Amino acid sequence: MQENILNAFAEQAKTMYSPMAKFNSLFVDNMEKLTEFQISAIKSYAEMGLSQLKSAAEIKDADTMRSYTSAQAETATSLNKKIMEDAKAMSDMAMEFKTQIEGIMEEVRSTAATTASTAAKPAPKAKTAA
């Protein structure tokens, strides 16, 4: 009997902590994706900035200055496009994470409802020896 109680307790603990383990795993995976994305974004922004510095350093006369300044509009447009793409990618990652969290929470709700309905059932009465 004591073994049955311990087994039931172990099963309930597993059921109770399973969503937490899923959440932790999801959180770590999401942080890894976010970190990789940010490192990639920083690298591309740094490359754009360095490219602009190199172009500015090559200005020697009025003609190179004119071509440099005319290229700035194109650079600004491409930078703006990159920022918008990165913002959309971040938003998509956040929505995916939210959807996955909602799935885990729904699983928790259904497990809790099942556990509550099982616990609410009266235990079978033991036969007494007469």
C-alpha atoms as a PDB file:
ATOM      1  CA  MET A   1       0.000   0.000   0.000  1.00  0.00           C
ATOM      2  CA  GLN A   2       2.798   2.382   0.872  1.00  0.00           C
ATOM      3  CA  GLU A   3       4.398   1.649  -2.490  1.00  0.00           C
ATOM      4  CA  ASN A   4       1.141   2.546  -4.245  1.00  0.00           C
ATOM      5  CA  ILE A   5       1.036   5.858  -2.402  1.00  0.00           C
ATOM      6  CA  LEU A   6       4.649   6.613  -3.332  1.00  0.00           C
ATOM      7  CA  ASN A   7       4.008   5.671  -6.961  1.00  0.00           C
ATOM      8  CA  ALA A   8       0.922   7.897  -7.063  1.00  0.00           C
ATOM      9  CA  PHE A   9       2.899  10.764  -5.519  1.00  0.00           C
ATOM     10  CA  ALA A  10       5.740  10.305  -8.032  1.00  0.00           C
ATOM     11  CA  GLU A  11       3.263  10.303 -10.915  1.00  0.00           C
ATOM     12  CA  GLN A  12       1.559  13.449  -9.639  1.00  0.00           C
ATOM     13  CA  ALA A  13       4.938  15.182  -9.228  1.00  0.00           C
ATOM     14  CA  LYS A  14       5.898  14.219 -12.774  1.00  0.00           C
ATOM     15  CA  THR A  15       2.584  15.557 -14.071  1.00  0.00           C
ATOM     16  CA  MET A  16       2.958  18.758 -12.074  1.00  0.00           C
ATOM     17  CA  TYR A  17       6.568  19.504 -13.097  1.00  0.00           C
ATOM     18  CA  SER A  18       6.332  18.418 -16.736  1.00  0.00           C
ATOM     19  CA  PRO A  19       4.916  21.765 -17.977  1.00  0.00           C
ATOM     20  CA  MET A  20       7.603  23.643 -16.046  1.00  0.00           C
ATOM     21  CA  ALA A  21      10.311  21.567 -17.721  1.00  0.00           C
ATOM     22  CA  LYS A  22       8.735  22.232 -21.126  1.00  0.00           C
ATOM     23  CA  PHE A  23       8.561  25.949 -20.386  1.00  0.00           C
ATOM     24  CA  ASN A  24      12.210  26.042 -19.281  1.00  0.00           C
ATOM     25  CA  SER A  25      13.315  24.204 -22.411  1.00  0.00           C
ATOM     26  CA  LEU A  26      11.255  26.519 -24.612  1.00  0.00           C
ATOM     27  CA  PHE A  27      12.642  29.574 -22.825  1.00  0.00           C
ATOM     28  CA  VAL A  28      16.254  28.455 -23.308  1.00  0.00           C
ATOM     29  CA  ASP A  29      15.655  27.644 -26.985  1.00  0.00           C
ATOM     30  CA  ASN A  30      14.037  31.043 -27.522  1.00  0.00           C
ATOM     31  CA  MET A  31      16.880  32.868 -25.766  1.00  0.00           C
ATOM     32  CA  GLU A  32      19.368  31.007 -27.972  1.00  0.00           C
ATOM     33  CA  LYS A  33      17.501  32.045 -31.153  1.00  0.00           C
ATOM     34  CA  LEU A  34      17.215  35.624 -29.922  1.00  0.00           C
ATOM     35  CA  THR A  35      20.914  35.819 -29.050  1.00  0.00           C
ATOM     36  CA  GLU A  36      21.953  34.423 -32.437  1.00  0.00           C
ATOM     37  CA  PHE A  37      19.645  36.899 -34.161  1.00  0.00           C
ATOM     38  CA  GLN A  38      21.021  39.836 -32.205  1.00  0.00           C
ATOM     39  CA  ILE A  39      24.638  38.847 -32.852  1.00  0.00           C
ATOM     40  CA  SER A  40      23.883  38.575 -36.563  1.00  0.00           C
ATOM     41  CA  ALA A  41      22.122  41.956 -36.573  1.00  0.00           C
ATOM     42  CA  ILE A  42      24.949  43.662 -34.707  1.00  0.00           C
ATOM     43  CA  LYS A  43      27.462  42.194 -37.149  1.00  0.00           C
ATOM     44  CA  SER A  44      25.543  43.438 -40.188  1.00  0.00           C
ATOM     45  CA  TYR A  45      25.067  46.934 -38.685  1.00  0.00           C
ATOM     46  CA  ALA A  46      28.761  47.089 -37.797  1.00  0.00           C
ATOM     47  CA  GLU A  47      29.691  46.072 -41.352  1.00  0.00           C
ATOM     48  CA  MET A  48      27.454  48.819 -42.751  1.00  0.00           C
ATOM     49  CA  GLY A  49      29.014  51.381 -40.430  1.00  0.00           C
ATOM     50  CA  LEU A  50      32.560  50.315 -41.246  1.00  0.00           C
ATOM     51  CA  SER A  51      31.768  50.440 -44.948  1.00  0.00           C
ATOM     52  CA  GLN A  52      30.565  54.023 -44.528  1.00  0.00           C
ATOM     53  CA  LEU A  53      33.684  54.967 -42.596  1.00  0.00           C
ATOM     54  CA  LYS A  54      35.892  53.470 -45.306  1.00  0.00           C
ATOM     55  CA  SER A  55      33.964  55.377 -47.976  1.00  0.00           C
ATOM     56  CA  ALA A  56      34.300  58.610 -46.014  1.00  0.00           C
ATOM     57  CA  ALA A  57      38.027  58.024 -45.585  1.00  0.00           C
ATOM     58  CA  GLU A  58      38.424  57.755 -49.360  1.00  0.00           C
ATOM     59  CA  ILE A  59      37.133  61.300 -49.977  1.00  0.00           C
ATOM     60  CA  LYS A  60      39.974  63.202 -51.646  1.00  0.00           C
ATOM     61  CA  ASP A  61      38.285  65.914 -53.687  1.00  0.00           C
ATOM     62  CA  ALA A  62      34.927  67.427 -54.628  1.00  0.00           C
ATOM     63  CA  ASP A  63      34.052  64.621 -57.052  1.00  0.00           C
ATOM     64  CA  THR A  64      34.562  61.839 -54.484  1.00  0.00           C
ATOM     65  CA  MET A  65      32.645  63.966 -51.939  1.00  0.00           C
ATOM     66  CA  ARG A  66      29.740  64.316 -54.384  1.00  0.00           C
ATOM     67  CA  SER A  67      29.614  60.583 -55.066  1.00  0.00           C
ATOM     68  CA  TYR A  68      29.877  59.837 -51.346  1.00  0.00           C
ATOM     69  CA  THR A  69      26.979  62.133 -50.455  1.00  0.00           C
ATOM     70  CA  SER A  70      24.811  60.804 -53.280  1.00  0.00           C
ATOM     71  CA  ALA A  71      25.437  57.248 -52.052  1.00  0.00           C
ATOM     72  CA  GLN A  72      24.262  58.235 -48.560  1.00  0.00           C
ATOM     73  CA  ALA A  73      20.598  58.264 -49.620  1.00  0.00           C
ATOM     74  CA  GLU A  74      20.918  54.723 -50.939  1.00  0.00           C
ATOM     75  CA  THR A  75      22.717  53.655 -47.763  1.00  0.00           C
ATOM     76  CA  ALA A  76      20.033  55.225 -45.581  1.00  0.00           C
ATOM     77  CA  THR A  77      17.323  53.430 -47.561  1.00  0.00           C
ATOM     78  CA  SER A  78      19.083  50.095 -47.207  1.00  0.00           C
ATOM     79  CA  LEU A  79      19.649  50.683 -43.482  1.00  0.00           C
ATOM     80  CA  ASN A  80      15.977  51.547 -43.013  1.00  0.00           C
ATOM     81  CA  LYS A  81      14.962  48.394 -44.890  1.00  0.00           C
ATOM     82  CA  LYS A  82      17.278  46.276 -42.709  1.00  0.00           C
ATOM     83  CA  ILE A  83      15.869  47.795 -39.522  1.00  0.00           C
ATOM     84  CA  MET A  84      12.296  47.059 -40.653  1.00  0.00           C
ATOM     85  CA  GLU A  85      13.182  43.472 -41.598  1.00  0.00           C
ATOM     86  CA  ASP A  86      14.871  42.937 -38.240  1.00  0.00           C
ATOM     87  CA  ALA A  87      11.885  44.383 -36.375  1.00  0.00           C
ATOM     88  CA  LYS A  88       9.538  42.036 -38.259  1.00  0.00           C
ATOM     89  CA  ALA A  89      11.787  39.054 -37.531  1.00  0.00           C
ATOM     90  CA  MET A  90      11.826  39.943 -33.816  1.00  0.00           C
ATOM     91  CA  SER A  91       8.053  40.305 -33.822  1.00  0.00           C
ATOM     92  CA  ASP A  92       7.658  36.923 -35.540  1.00  0.00           C
ATOM     93  CA  MET A  93       9.922  35.275 -32.954  1.00  0.00           C
ATOM     94  CA  ALA A  94       7.898  36.827 -30.131  1.00  0.00           C
ATOM     95  CA  MET A  95       4.605  35.642 -31.638  1.00  0.00           C
ATOM     96  CA  GLU A  96       5.957  32.115 -32.082  1.00  0.00           C
ATOM     97  CA  PHE A  97       7.138  32.075 -28.457  1.00  0.00           C
ATOM     98  CA  LYS A  98       3.736  33.361 -27.291  1.00  0.00           C
ATOM     99  CA  THR A  99       1.935  30.649 -29.272  1.00  0.00           C
ATOM    100  CA  GLN A 100       4.152  27.943 -27.800  1.00  0.00           C
ATOM    101  CA  ILE A 101       3.614  29.283 -24.258  1.00  0.00           C
ATOM    102  CA  GLU A 102      -0.141  29.289 -24.825  1.00  0.00           C
ATOM    103  CA  GLY A 103       0.098  25.631 -25.912  1.00  0.00           C
ATOM    104  CA  ILE A 104       1.906  24.723 -22.707  1.00  0.00           C
ATOM    105  CA  MET A 105      -0.636  26.658 -20.629  1.00  0.00           C
ATOM    106  CA  GLU A 106      -3.521  24.875 -22.343  1.00  0.00           C
ATOM    107  CA  GLU A 107      -1.843  21.564 -21.576  1.00  0.00           C
ATOM    108  CA  VAL A 108      -1.521  22.634 -17.923  1.00  0.00           C
ATOM    109  CA  ARG A 109      -5.211  23.575 -17.812  1.00  0.00           C
ATOM    110  CA  SER A 110      -6.343  20.258 -19.260  1.00  0.00           C
ATOM    111  CA  THR A 111      -4.017  18.300 -16.961  1.00  0.00           C
ATOM    112  CA  ALA A 112      -5.277  20.247 -13.953  1.00  0.00           C
ATOM    113  CA  ALA A 113      -8.889  19.632 -14.958  1.00  0.00           C
ATOM    114  CA  THR A 114      -8.223  15.918 -15.382  1.00  0.00           C
ATOM    115  CA  THR A 115      -6.412  15.719 -12.061  1.00  0.00           C
ATOM    116  CA  ALA A 116      -9.183  17.641 -10.311  1.00  0.00           C
ATOM    117  CA  SER A 117     -11.908  15.423 -11.742  1.00  0.00           C
ATOM    118  CA  THR A 118      -9.944  12.301 -10.777  1.00  0.00           C
ATOM    119  CA  ALA A 119      -9.383  13.620  -7.256  1.00  0.00           C
ATOM    120  CA  ALA A 120     -13.070  14.515  -6.904  1.00  0.00           C
ATOM    121  CA  LYS A 121     -14.194  10.938  -7.514  1.00  0.00           C
ATOM    122  CA  PRO A 122     -14.878   9.117  -4.274  1.00  0.00           C
ATOM    123  CA  ALA A 123     -12.405   6.380  -3.449  1.00  0.00           C
ATOM    124  CA  PRO A 124     -13.802   2.850  -3.580  1.00  0.00           C
ATOM    125  CA  LYS A 125     -14.800   1.657  -0.134  1.00  0.00           C
ATOM    126  CA  ALA A 126     -12.646  -1.091   1.255  1.00  0.00           C
ATOM    127  CA  LYS A 127     -14.423  -4.239   2.256  1.00  0.00           C
ATOM    128  CA  THR A 128     -14.254  -4.877   5.922  1.00  0.00           C
ATOM    129  CA  ALA A 129     -13.806  -8.379   7.218  1.00  0.00           C
ATOM    130  CA  ALA A 130     -16.730  -9.424   9.349  1.00  0.00           C
END
